[in-house]
């Protein structure tokens, strides 16, 4: 029995040593990731502070600037959007915001005309088109995909409403952008501060109802009737009624 206990003790010691080694390795990896994140954040901050970008650093894929144009900036895909110059003041504040569920605004390109070109993070499509394509292909989004997208929409909205508060004002399935990995991001280029947080929450309820029901209807009651999950229906109903 003593020999058996000694053997078990030796095995436990060996496992502890292996776990300590694994912990050390993970700590090193975590340190590298933190360093990389700090470096990325610093570059993003430097880029945002500069704001005005040099046009020669861009490879315009679509040729001339259009309402939405794809481009590459320092090798990374971005989108370019023309806006009126007077809209810059409001977008400058929004360009300071950084969150995984927001489309990042990287800076601006000045044009000879009164138009200003905004450089923003590239995404694949809007949520409305993703839902429509999924329905047409007879393979709608799985419940996990729906919930993940719903969480992204809610997280982006919650971040906007945190201090200092910002109101999107134009939240819809068309202003929620979707990445190639089915991550949802709120697009700030079409935001408006003319509405309230309550209206944002109502609009979020409409977006979630469209996403979960698969319908794009003017009647929210039609969408709610299709939602069978009681918890999800309760969340959407609460948002729509501002409860």
Protein backbone atom coordinates (compact mmCIF):
# COMPACT_ATOMS: atom_id res chain seq x y z
CA UNK A 1 0.00 0.00 0.00
CA UNK A 2 2.89 2.37 0.80
CA UNK A 3 4.46 1.65 -2.58
CA UNK A 4 1.13 2.30 -4.30
CA UNK A 5 0.70 5.58 -2.41
CA UNK A 6 4.24 6.63 -3.32
CA UNK A 7 3.54 5.85 -6.98
CA UNK A 8 0.30 7.85 -6.89
CA UNK A 9 2.11 10.71 -5.16
CA UNK A 10 4.78 10.69 -7.87
CA UNK A 11 2.11 10.74 -10.57
CA UNK A 12 0.33 13.68 -8.92
CA UNK A 13 3.63 15.56 -8.61
CA UNK A 14 4.27 14.95 -12.30
CA UNK A 15 0.81 16.25 -13.21
CA UNK A 16 1.35 19.35 -11.04
CA UNK A 17 4.65 20.05 -12.77
CA UNK A 18 2.97 19.70 -16.18
CA UNK A 19 0.16 22.04 -15.13
CA UNK A 20 2.64 24.62 -13.85
CA UNK A 21 4.49 24.46 -17.16
CA UNK A 22 1.21 24.88 -19.05
CA UNK A 23 0.28 27.82 -16.81
CA UNK A 24 3.64 29.47 -17.54
CA UNK A 25 3.13 28.97 -21.29
CA UNK A 26 -0.40 30.41 -21.17
CA UNK A 27 0.83 33.38 -19.14
CA UNK A 28 3.45 34.11 -21.79
CA UNK A 29 0.86 33.84 -24.57
CA UNK A 30 -1.48 36.15 -22.66
CA UNK A 31 1.35 38.64 -22.21
CA UNK A 32 2.05 38.58 -25.95
CA UNK A 33 -1.64 39.10 -26.72
CA UNK A 34 -1.87 42.05 -24.33
CA UNK A 35 1.21 43.59 -25.89
CA UNK A 36 -0.26 43.14 -29.37
CA UNK A 37 -3.59 44.65 -28.25
CA UNK A 38 -1.86 47.67 -26.73
CA UNK A 39 0.07 48.13 -29.99
CA UNK A 40 -3.13 47.94 -32.07
CA UNK A 41 -4.96 50.33 -29.73
CA UNK A 42 -2.07 52.79 -29.89
CA UNK A 43 -2.02 52.70 -33.69
CA UNK A 44 -5.80 53.19 -33.76
CA UNK A 45 -5.53 56.14 -31.38
CA UNK A 46 -2.74 57.71 -33.43
CA UNK A 47 -4.79 57.22 -36.58
CA UNK A 48 -7.91 58.73 -35.03
CA UNK A 49 -6.02 61.73 -33.66
CA UNK A 50 -4.62 62.49 -37.09
CA UNK A 51 -8.03 62.10 -38.76
CA UNK A 52 -7.02 63.65 -42.10
CA UNK A 53 -5.52 60.93 -44.26
CA UNK A 54 -3.37 61.12 -47.37
CA UNK A 55 -5.22 59.91 -50.45
CA UNK A 56 -2.13 58.41 -52.08
CA UNK A 57 -2.02 55.67 -49.45
CA UNK A 58 -5.31 54.25 -50.75
CA UNK A 59 -5.87 51.71 -53.49
CA UNK A 60 -9.41 52.48 -54.68
CA UNK A 61 -10.92 49.19 -55.86
CA UNK A 62 -14.13 50.67 -57.29
CA UNK A 63 -12.37 53.39 -59.31
CA UNK A 64 -14.24 56.61 -58.59
CA UNK A 65 -15.65 57.34 -55.16
CA UNK A 66 -19.28 56.29 -54.91
CA UNK A 67 -21.83 56.21 -52.13
CA UNK A 68 -20.01 53.13 -50.78
CA UNK A 69 -16.63 52.21 -52.25
CA UNK A 70 -14.24 49.43 -51.36
CA UNK A 71 -10.57 50.25 -50.94
CA UNK A 72 -7.41 49.07 -49.25
CA UNK A 73 -5.61 51.24 -46.74
CA UNK A 74 -2.08 50.05 -45.89
CA UNK A 75 -3.12 46.62 -47.18
CA UNK A 76 -6.26 46.37 -45.01
CA UNK A 77 -9.77 46.39 -46.55
CA UNK A 78 -11.81 49.51 -45.76
CA UNK A 79 -14.91 51.20 -47.14
CA UNK A 80 -15.16 54.82 -48.25
CA UNK A 81 -18.34 56.83 -47.91
CA UNK A 82 -18.99 60.34 -49.17
CA UNK A 83 -20.77 62.67 -46.76
CA UNK A 84 -21.43 66.38 -46.52
CA UNK A 85 -18.58 68.31 -44.90
CA UNK A 86 -20.84 69.74 -42.20
CA UNK A 87 -21.43 66.21 -40.87
CA UNK A 88 -17.79 65.90 -39.86
CA UNK A 89 -18.22 67.49 -36.43
CA UNK A 90 -20.63 64.82 -35.24
CA UNK A 91 -18.67 61.98 -36.82
CA UNK A 92 -15.40 63.14 -35.25
CA UNK A 93 -16.82 62.33 -31.81
CA UNK A 94 -18.12 58.96 -33.04
CA UNK A 95 -14.70 58.17 -34.54
CA UNK A 96 -13.27 58.08 -31.01
CA UNK A 97 -15.50 55.09 -30.14
CA UNK A 98 -14.00 51.62 -30.29
CA UNK A 99 -16.06 48.48 -29.65
CA UNK A 100 -16.19 45.04 -31.29
CA UNK A 101 -19.88 45.60 -32.12
CA UNK A 102 -19.42 48.99 -33.81
CA UNK A 103 -18.11 49.68 -37.31
CA UNK A 104 -14.92 51.61 -36.56
CA UNK A 105 -14.41 54.99 -38.23
CA UNK A 106 -10.71 55.37 -39.01
CA UNK A 107 -10.53 58.90 -40.38
CA UNK A 108 -11.43 61.29 -43.19
CA UNK A 109 -10.23 62.24 -46.65
CA UNK A 110 -10.70 65.87 -47.66
CA UNK A 111 -12.03 66.43 -51.19
CA UNK A 112 -11.84 69.50 -53.47
CA UNK A 113 -15.64 69.68 -53.39
CA UNK A 114 -17.84 70.17 -50.34
CA UNK A 115 -17.93 66.42 -49.87
CA UNK A 116 -15.87 64.55 -47.28
CA UNK A 117 -14.88 60.90 -47.55
CA UNK A 118 -15.11 58.80 -44.39
CA UNK A 119 -12.81 55.81 -44.07
CA UNK A 120 -14.47 52.99 -42.10
CA UNK A 121 -14.02 49.33 -41.26
CA UNK A 122 -15.03 46.95 -44.05
CA UNK A 123 -17.94 44.53 -43.60
CA UNK A 124 -19.67 42.11 -45.96
CA UNK A 125 -23.33 43.10 -45.97
CA UNK A 126 -26.18 44.52 -43.91
CA UNK A 127 -28.34 42.37 -41.65
CA UNK A 128 -31.42 42.89 -43.84
CA UNK A 129 -29.65 41.32 -46.85
CA UNK A 130 -28.22 38.49 -44.74
CA UNK A 131 -31.72 37.57 -43.53
CA UNK A 132 -33.14 37.80 -47.08
CA UNK A 133 -30.38 35.63 -48.60
CA UNK A 134 -30.73 33.06 -45.81
CA UNK A 135 -34.48 32.78 -46.51
CA UNK A 136 -33.98 32.50 -50.28
CA UNK A 137 -31.43 29.69 -49.82
CA UNK A 138 -33.91 27.61 -47.75
CA UNK A 139 -31.39 27.50 -44.92
CA UNK A 140 -32.26 30.11 -42.36
CA UNK A 141 -29.83 31.16 -39.65
CA UNK A 142 -29.50 28.67 -36.82
CA UNK A 143 -30.77 29.64 -33.39
CA UNK A 144 -27.16 30.01 -32.21
CA UNK A 145 -26.37 32.37 -35.11
CA UNK A 146 -29.53 34.38 -34.42
CA UNK A 147 -28.69 34.73 -30.73
CA UNK A 148 -25.07 35.66 -31.43
CA UNK A 149 -26.16 38.40 -33.86
CA UNK A 150 -28.81 39.59 -31.41
CA UNK A 151 -26.20 39.82 -28.64
CA UNK A 152 -23.92 41.82 -30.95
CA UNK A 153 -26.72 44.30 -31.73
CA UNK A 154 -27.60 44.66 -28.05
CA UNK A 155 -23.96 45.01 -26.96
CA UNK A 156 -23.28 47.73 -29.54
CA UNK A 157 -26.41 49.61 -28.48
CA UNK A 158 -25.57 49.30 -24.78
CA UNK A 159 -22.05 50.63 -25.41
CA UNK A 160 -23.42 53.63 -27.33
CA UNK A 161 -25.79 54.42 -24.48
CA UNK A 162 -23.05 54.23 -21.83
CA UNK A 163 -21.23 57.38 -20.67
CA UNK A 164 -20.61 59.57 -22.57
CA UNK A 165 -24.01 58.81 -24.05
CA UNK A 166 -24.60 58.61 -27.79
CA UNK A 167 -27.88 57.92 -29.56
CA UNK A 168 -27.83 56.01 -32.83
CA UNK A 169 -31.18 57.36 -33.96
CA UNK A 170 -31.35 55.29 -37.13
CA UNK A 171 -31.01 51.71 -35.93
CA UNK A 172 -32.42 49.17 -38.37
CA UNK A 173 -31.53 45.92 -40.11
CA UNK A 174 -30.00 48.09 -42.87
CA UNK A 175 -27.65 49.97 -40.53
CA UNK A 176 -26.48 46.80 -38.78
CA UNK A 177 -23.51 45.53 -40.77
CA UNK A 178 -22.43 41.87 -40.78
CA UNK A 179 -18.89 40.52 -41.17
CA UNK A 180 -17.80 37.39 -43.03
CA UNK A 181 -17.87 35.54 -39.69
CA UNK A 182 -21.51 36.55 -39.02
CA UNK A 183 -20.62 39.13 -36.39
CA UNK A 184 -22.99 42.10 -36.11
CA UNK A 185 -21.71 45.68 -36.01
CA UNK A 186 -23.71 48.91 -35.72
CA UNK A 187 -22.85 51.36 -38.48
CA UNK A 188 -22.43 54.89 -37.13
CA UNK A 189 -22.19 56.61 -40.52
CA UNK A 190 -25.98 56.76 -40.73
CA UNK A 191 -26.63 57.66 -37.10
CA UNK A 192 -28.62 60.65 -35.93
CA UNK A 193 -28.76 62.34 -32.53
CA UNK A 194 -32.25 63.67 -33.19
CA UNK A 195 -33.90 60.74 -31.41
CA UNK A 196 -33.80 59.35 -27.86
CA UNK A 197 -32.45 56.27 -26.09
CA UNK A 198 -36.04 55.01 -25.83
CA UNK A 199 -36.45 55.18 -29.61
CA UNK A 200 -33.14 53.31 -30.01
CA UNK A 201 -34.45 50.52 -27.76
CA UNK A 202 -37.68 50.32 -29.77
CA UNK A 203 -35.70 50.15 -33.01
CA UNK A 204 -33.50 47.43 -31.46
CA UNK A 205 -36.67 45.46 -30.72
CA UNK A 206 -37.68 45.74 -34.39
CA UNK A 207 -34.22 44.58 -35.52
CA UNK A 208 -34.29 41.57 -33.19
CA UNK A 209 -37.84 40.71 -34.26
CA UNK A 210 -36.79 40.74 -37.92
CA UNK A 211 -33.72 38.66 -37.15
CA UNK A 212 -35.48 35.98 -35.10
CA UNK A 213 -38.72 35.76 -37.10
CA UNK A 214 -37.08 35.98 -40.52
CA UNK A 215 -39.76 38.47 -41.56
CA UNK A 216 -39.32 42.03 -42.77
CA UNK A 217 -42.74 43.45 -42.12
CA UNK A 218 -44.13 46.87 -41.29
CA UNK A 219 -46.18 45.17 -38.58
CA UNK A 220 -44.16 44.15 -35.51
CA UNK A 221 -47.13 42.08 -34.32
CA UNK A 222 -46.79 39.87 -37.42
CA UNK A 223 -43.13 39.25 -36.57
CA UNK A 224 -43.86 38.56 -32.90
CA UNK A 225 -46.55 36.03 -33.86
CA UNK A 226 -43.92 33.99 -35.72
CA UNK A 227 -41.43 33.89 -32.81
CA UNK A 228 -42.04 30.65 -30.94
CA UNK A 229 -39.36 30.95 -28.25
CA UNK A 230 -41.11 32.52 -25.24
CA UNK A 231 -37.95 34.10 -23.79
CA UNK A 232 -36.93 35.71 -27.08
CA UNK A 233 -40.49 36.91 -27.68
CA UNK A 234 -40.52 38.46 -24.19
CA UNK A 235 -37.24 40.31 -24.89
CA UNK A 236 -38.50 41.69 -28.20
CA UNK A 237 -41.88 42.67 -26.73
CA UNK A 238 -40.22 44.44 -23.79
CA UNK A 239 -37.99 46.47 -26.12
CA UNK A 240 -40.85 47.37 -28.45
CA UNK A 241 -42.96 48.61 -25.54
CA UNK A 242 -40.00 50.25 -23.69
CA UNK A 243 -40.74 48.22 -20.56
